[in-house]
């Protein structure tokens, strides 16, 4: 049984905009959050609260390249909230700069010799 439904909007891993419903359910093992997007179902489970399940789903999506994510509570139980609730923004994880990635690749490996010219 669905406890909450949220609208989740942002950009997918291919930088395409989307807006889908996230269903959050409570079970014996804790709360789970599930998003259906195109042919894929992405979910997380075993979280202590509805908010923790939603956050866990956001983190999982971000690890798959989703960006600019934000959510809005739209149903709580059977009560429809419409757009009365505020949107919650989830900052994108920080990405290392180009130089940071380059130096990480050059100097992050162990046991390598000097860089050849």
Protein backbone atom coordinates (compact mmCIF):
# COMPACT_ATOMS: atom_id res chain seq x y z
CA UNK A 1 0.00 0.00 0.00
CA UNK A 2 1.32 3.40 -0.99
CA UNK A 3 2.02 5.74 1.92
CA UNK A 4 3.16 8.72 -0.13
CA UNK A 5 3.50 9.74 -3.75
CA UNK A 6 5.94 12.39 -4.91
CA UNK A 7 6.55 14.03 -8.26
CA UNK A 8 10.22 13.70 -9.16
CA UNK A 9 11.59 15.91 -11.93
CA UNK A 10 15.02 16.47 -13.40
CA UNK A 11 17.31 15.31 -16.18
CA UNK A 12 17.99 11.65 -16.87
CA UNK A 13 21.39 10.15 -17.68
CA UNK A 14 21.04 11.35 -21.30
CA UNK A 15 20.17 14.93 -20.20
CA UNK A 16 16.50 14.53 -21.16
CA UNK A 17 13.93 16.19 -18.93
CA UNK A 18 11.47 13.98 -17.06
CA UNK A 19 8.69 14.22 -14.45
CA UNK A 20 7.46 10.96 -12.91
CA UNK A 21 5.65 9.68 -9.84
CA UNK A 22 7.66 8.05 -7.05
CA UNK A 23 5.64 5.68 -4.88
CA UNK A 24 6.77 5.18 -1.31
CA UNK A 25 5.49 2.18 0.60
CA UNK A 26 6.01 0.94 4.13
CA UNK A 27 6.51 -2.75 4.80
CA UNK A 28 7.93 -5.10 7.41
CA UNK A 29 11.49 -4.37 6.21
CA UNK A 30 11.04 -0.59 6.28
CA UNK A 31 10.14 1.96 3.62
CA UNK A 32 10.84 1.54 -0.07
CA UNK A 33 10.69 4.06 -2.91
CA UNK A 34 10.08 3.12 -6.53
CA UNK A 35 10.29 5.07 -9.78
CA UNK A 36 9.06 3.75 -13.13
CA UNK A 37 10.87 5.45 -15.99
CA UNK A 38 10.54 4.23 -19.56
CA UNK A 39 11.23 0.47 -19.47
CA UNK A 40 13.05 0.61 -16.13
CA UNK A 41 11.94 0.32 -12.52
CA UNK A 42 14.43 1.87 -10.10
CA UNK A 43 13.91 1.33 -6.40
CA UNK A 44 15.44 1.30 -2.96
CA UNK A 45 14.18 -0.46 0.15
CA UNK A 46 14.80 -0.99 3.84
CA UNK A 47 14.85 2.67 4.90
CA UNK A 48 13.52 3.72 8.34
CA UNK A 49 11.35 6.62 7.07
CA UNK A 50 9.61 7.78 3.91
CA UNK A 51 12.01 10.74 3.65
CA UNK A 52 15.03 8.43 3.94
CA UNK A 53 13.65 6.16 1.20
CA UNK A 54 13.11 9.12 -1.14
CA UNK A 55 16.62 10.42 -0.40
CA UNK A 56 18.06 6.95 -1.03
CA UNK A 57 16.33 6.84 -4.41
CA UNK A 58 17.69 10.29 -5.31
CA UNK A 59 21.24 9.21 -4.40
CA UNK A 60 20.87 6.07 -6.51
CA UNK A 61 19.58 8.08 -9.48
CA UNK A 62 22.42 10.58 -9.14
CA UNK A 63 24.92 7.71 -9.20
CA UNK A 64 23.37 6.72 -12.55
CA UNK A 65 23.86 10.19 -14.03
CA UNK A 66 20.53 11.84 -13.20
CA UNK A 67 20.89 15.56 -12.40
CA UNK A 68 18.91 18.63 -11.33
CA UNK A 69 16.55 16.45 -9.30
CA UNK A 70 13.69 17.90 -7.29
CA UNK A 71 10.61 16.39 -5.67
CA UNK A 72 7.19 17.48 -4.48
CA UNK A 73 4.84 15.55 -2.20
CA UNK A 74 1.57 15.06 -4.10
CA UNK A 75 -0.32 12.35 -2.12
CA UNK A 76 -0.09 11.52 1.56
CA UNK A 77 -2.13 8.39 2.17
CA UNK A 78 -5.33 8.99 0.20
CA UNK A 79 -5.18 12.79 0.55
CA UNK A 80 -4.36 14.60 -2.68
CA UNK A 81 -2.15 17.61 -1.96
CA UNK A 82 -1.90 18.96 -5.50
CA UNK A 83 0.86 21.51 -5.81
CA UNK A 84 0.46 22.96 -2.30
CA UNK A 85 3.67 21.37 -1.03
CA UNK A 86 7.00 23.04 -1.86
CA UNK A 87 9.49 21.53 -4.29
CA UNK A 88 12.60 20.11 -2.63
CA UNK A 89 15.82 20.55 -4.61
CA UNK A 90 18.59 17.93 -4.43
CA UNK A 91 22.01 19.38 -5.24
CA UNK A 92 23.99 17.43 -7.80
CA UNK A 93 27.03 15.66 -6.38
CA UNK A 94 30.14 17.72 -6.96
CA UNK A 95 32.11 16.68 -9.98
CA UNK A 96 35.88 17.03 -9.94
CA UNK A 97 37.25 19.56 -12.38
CA UNK A 98 38.96 18.47 -15.57
CA UNK A 99 42.39 19.08 -14.00
CA UNK A 100 41.36 17.18 -10.89
CA UNK A 101 40.33 14.16 -12.97
CA UNK A 102 43.51 14.40 -15.03
CA UNK A 103 45.80 14.56 -11.99
CA UNK A 104 43.82 11.75 -10.37
CA UNK A 105 44.42 9.55 -13.40
CA UNK A 106 48.09 10.51 -13.67
CA UNK A 107 49.02 10.28 -10.01
CA UNK A 108 46.29 8.13 -8.52
CA UNK A 109 47.77 4.85 -9.66
CA UNK A 110 50.23 2.99 -7.50
CA UNK A 111 53.38 1.43 -8.82
CA UNK A 112 53.60 3.46 -12.00
CA UNK A 113 56.83 4.93 -13.18
CA UNK A 114 57.48 8.46 -14.39
CA UNK A 115 55.31 9.88 -17.11
CA UNK A 116 56.85 9.46 -20.55
CA UNK A 117 56.98 12.50 -22.79
